[in-house]
Amino acid sequence: MAFEKLEDIKPREILPGYTVRFVHTDRMTFAFWDVAKDSPLPEHAHHHEQVAQVMEGEYELTIGGETKRLGPGDVAIIPSNVPHSGMAITACKLMDVFCPVREDYLGTNK
């Protein structure tokens, strides 16, 4: 696949308040999130490197014990195996890029 419309990818609720559309390549996973206001993301860690960007809204992100409030255009880099958590301050649109591909999310785009 070379072209796809994001709106044609079936959304999935991964956690309460977190709905996502995934795009997978051979080496990366892109996650396009719609997050409801006041939705928490429990602390977790994974071997994937992650880059997170707030597209719309405000999101509070804690990475390795450091907490920042992020807004549109803000980017956070989450190294491999570093604990992180979050909270949607407002309704948000977020984009995450994971490398390598998120094996646990494969097969979830349609």
C-alpha atoms as a PDB file:
ATOM      1  CA  MET A   1       0.000   0.000   0.000  1.00  0.00           C
ATOM      2  CA  ALA A   2       1.356   3.390  -0.943  1.00  0.00           C
ATOM      3  CA  PHE A   3      -1.636   5.639  -0.252  1.00  0.00           C
ATOM      4  CA  GLU A   4      -4.399   5.490   2.308  1.00  0.00           C
ATOM      5  CA  LYS A   5      -6.964   7.878   3.760  1.00  0.00           C
ATOM      6  CA  LEU A   6      -6.780   8.062   7.529  1.00  0.00           C
ATOM      7  CA  GLU A   7     -10.570   8.294   7.702  1.00  0.00           C
ATOM      8  CA  ASP A   8     -10.832   4.903   5.917  1.00  0.00           C
ATOM      9  CA  ILE A   9      -8.887   3.141   8.676  1.00  0.00           C
ATOM     10  CA  LYS A  10     -11.219   1.634  11.252  1.00  0.00           C
ATOM     11  CA  PRO A  11     -10.741   3.267  14.677  1.00  0.00           C
ATOM     12  CA  ARG A  12     -10.228   1.062  17.740  1.00  0.00           C
ATOM     13  CA  GLU A  13     -10.563   1.861  21.419  1.00  0.00           C
ATOM     14  CA  ILE A  14      -7.361   0.591  23.049  1.00  0.00           C
ATOM     15  CA  LEU A  15      -8.036   2.059  26.523  1.00  0.00           C
ATOM     16  CA  PRO A  16     -11.099   3.855  27.870  1.00  0.00           C
ATOM     17  CA  GLY A  17     -11.087   7.286  26.199  1.00  0.00           C
ATOM     18  CA  TYR A  18      -8.282   6.371  23.728  1.00  0.00           C
ATOM     19  CA  THR A  19      -9.414   5.657  20.156  1.00  0.00           C
ATOM     20  CA  VAL A  20      -6.722   5.080  17.537  1.00  0.00           C
ATOM     21  CA  ARG A  21      -6.077   4.479  13.857  1.00  0.00           C
ATOM     22  CA  PHE A  22      -2.828   2.642  13.061  1.00  0.00           C
ATOM     23  CA  VAL A  23      -0.571   2.809  10.014  1.00  0.00           C
ATOM     24  CA  HIS A  24       2.180   0.187   9.940  1.00  0.00           C
ATOM     25  CA  THR A  25       5.281   0.024   7.762  1.00  0.00           C
ATOM     26  CA  ASP A  26       7.969  -2.648   7.806  1.00  0.00           C
ATOM     27  CA  ARG A  27       9.911  -0.742  10.498  1.00  0.00           C
ATOM     28  CA  MET A  28       7.523   1.738  12.155  1.00  0.00           C
ATOM     29  CA  THR A  29       4.033   2.134  13.542  1.00  0.00           C
ATOM     30  CA  PHE A  30       2.153   5.442  13.368  1.00  0.00           C
ATOM     31  CA  ALA A  31      -0.743   5.884  15.790  1.00  0.00           C
ATOM     32  CA  PHE A  32      -3.312   8.647  15.313  1.00  0.00           C
ATOM     33  CA  TRP A  33      -5.196   9.054  18.598  1.00  0.00           C
ATOM     34  CA  ASP A  34      -8.437  10.766  19.549  1.00  0.00           C
ATOM     35  CA  VAL A  35      -8.395  11.123  23.331  1.00  0.00           C
ATOM     36  CA  ALA A  36     -11.331  12.141  25.503  1.00  0.00           C
ATOM     37  CA  LYS A  37     -10.885  14.840  28.146  1.00  0.00           C
ATOM     38  CA  ASP A  38      -9.686  13.568  31.554  1.00  0.00           C
ATOM     39  CA  SER A  39      -8.598  10.183  30.154  1.00  0.00           C
ATOM     40  CA  PRO A  40      -5.560   8.776  31.987  1.00  0.00           C
ATOM     41  CA  LEU A  41      -2.793   6.738  30.362  1.00  0.00           C
ATOM     42  CA  PRO A  42      -1.393   4.366  33.006  1.00  0.00           C
ATOM     43  CA  GLU A  43       2.365   4.245  33.495  1.00  0.00           C
ATOM     44  CA  HIS A  44       4.011   1.708  31.219  1.00  0.00           C
ATOM     45  CA  ALA A  45       7.213   1.087  29.272  1.00  0.00           C
ATOM     46  CA  HIS A  46       8.091  -0.791  26.080  1.00  0.00           C
ATOM     47  CA  HIS A  47      11.202  -1.556  24.054  1.00  0.00           C
ATOM     48  CA  HIS A  48      10.037   0.705  21.214  1.00  0.00           C
ATOM     49  CA  GLU A  49      11.402   4.210  20.791  1.00  0.00           C
ATOM     50  CA  GLN A  50       8.495   6.637  20.603  1.00  0.00           C
ATOM     51  CA  VAL A  51       7.978  10.169  19.343  1.00  0.00           C
ATOM     52  CA  ALA A  52       4.695  11.778  20.429  1.00  0.00           C
ATOM     53  CA  GLN A  53       3.176  14.965  19.028  1.00  0.00           C
ATOM     54  CA  VAL A  54       0.122  16.860  20.210  1.00  0.00           C
ATOM     55  CA  MET A  55      -1.909  17.843  17.148  1.00  0.00           C
ATOM     56  CA  GLU A  56      -4.847  19.429  19.014  1.00  0.00           C
ATOM     57  CA  GLY A  57      -5.709  20.059  22.665  1.00  0.00           C
ATOM     58  CA  GLU A  58      -3.607  19.829  25.833  1.00  0.00           C
ATOM     59  CA  TYR A  59      -1.989  16.687  27.182  1.00  0.00           C
ATOM     60  CA  GLU A  60       0.093  16.168  30.308  1.00  0.00           C
ATOM     61  CA  LEU A  61       2.887  13.646  29.769  1.00  0.00           C
ATOM     62  CA  THR A  62       5.265  12.184  32.331  1.00  0.00           C
ATOM     63  CA  ILE A  63       8.472  10.575  31.027  1.00  0.00           C
ATOM     64  CA  GLY A  64      10.920   9.042  33.479  1.00  0.00           C
ATOM     65  CA  GLY A  65       9.428  11.082  36.340  1.00  0.00           C
ATOM     66  CA  GLU A  66       9.463  14.452  34.519  1.00  0.00           C
ATOM     67  CA  THR A  67       6.029  15.938  33.792  1.00  0.00           C
ATOM     68  CA  LYS A  68       5.223  18.522  31.110  1.00  0.00           C
ATOM     69  CA  ARG A  69       1.972  19.981  29.789  1.00  0.00           C
ATOM     70  CA  LEU A  70       2.020  19.802  25.996  1.00  0.00           C
ATOM     71  CA  GLY A  71      -0.017  21.699  23.404  1.00  0.00           C
ATOM     72  CA  PRO A  72      -0.367  21.737  19.626  1.00  0.00           C
ATOM     73  CA  GLY A  73       2.982  21.311  17.904  1.00  0.00           C
ATOM     74  CA  ASP A  74       4.796  20.078  21.017  1.00  0.00           C
ATOM     75  CA  VAL A  75       6.836  16.906  20.575  1.00  0.00           C
ATOM     76  CA  ALA A  76       8.124  14.462  23.178  1.00  0.00           C
ATOM     77  CA  ILE A  77      10.810  11.816  22.663  1.00  0.00           C
ATOM     78  CA  ILE A  78      10.367   8.679  24.763  1.00  0.00           C
ATOM     79  CA  PRO A  79      13.439   6.430  24.813  1.00  0.00           C
ATOM     80  CA  SER A  80      13.201   2.665  24.830  1.00  0.00           C
ATOM     81  CA  ASN A  81      12.168   1.088  28.174  1.00  0.00           C
ATOM     82  CA  VAL A  82      11.560   4.436  29.956  1.00  0.00           C
ATOM     83  CA  PRO A  83       8.356   4.492  32.054  1.00  0.00           C
ATOM     84  CA  HIS A  84       5.785   7.058  30.895  1.00  0.00           C
ATOM     85  CA  SER A  85       2.180   8.011  31.563  1.00  0.00           C
ATOM     86  CA  GLY A  86      -0.247  10.744  30.608  1.00  0.00           C
ATOM     87  CA  MET A  87      -3.530  12.566  31.105  1.00  0.00           C
ATOM     88  CA  ALA A  88      -5.715  14.389  28.593  1.00  0.00           C
ATOM     89  CA  ILE A  89      -6.324  17.864  30.020  1.00  0.00           C
ATOM     90  CA  THR A  90      -8.742  18.566  27.143  1.00  0.00           C
ATOM     91  CA  ALA A  91     -10.015  16.429  24.298  1.00  0.00           C
ATOM     92  CA  CYS A  92      -6.885  15.772  22.200  1.00  0.00           C
ATOM     93  CA  LYS A  93      -5.588  14.546  18.900  1.00  0.00           C
ATOM     94  CA  LEU A  94      -2.165  12.946  19.277  1.00  0.00           C
ATOM     95  CA  MET A  95       0.212  11.232  16.891  1.00  0.00           C
ATOM     96  CA  ASP A  96       2.773   8.656  18.014  1.00  0.00           C
ATOM     97  CA  VAL A  97       5.526   7.086  15.947  1.00  0.00           C
ATOM     98  CA  PHE A  98       7.033   3.836  17.249  1.00  0.00           C
ATOM     99  CA  CYS A  99      10.216   2.122  16.087  1.00  0.00           C
ATOM    100  CA  PRO A 100      10.435  -0.787  15.630  1.00  0.00           C
ATOM    101  CA  VAL A 101       6.891  -1.616  14.567  1.00  0.00           C
ATOM    102  CA  ARG A 102       4.429  -2.278  17.430  1.00  0.00           C
ATOM    103  CA  GLU A 103       3.916  -6.018  17.024  1.00  0.00           C
ATOM    104  CA  ASP A 104       1.116  -5.946  19.613  1.00  0.00           C
ATOM    105  CA  TYR A 105      -0.893  -3.609  17.354  1.00  0.00           C
ATOM    106  CA  LEU A 106      -0.316  -5.373  14.009  1.00  0.00           C
ATOM    107  CA  GLY A 107      -3.449  -6.382  12.184  1.00  0.00           C
ATOM    108  CA  THR A 108      -5.449  -3.648  13.861  1.00  0.00           C
ATOM    109  CA  ASN A 109      -5.816  -1.159  11.022  1.00  0.00           C
ATOM    110  CA  LYS A 110      -8.848  -2.653   9.249  1.00  0.00           C
END
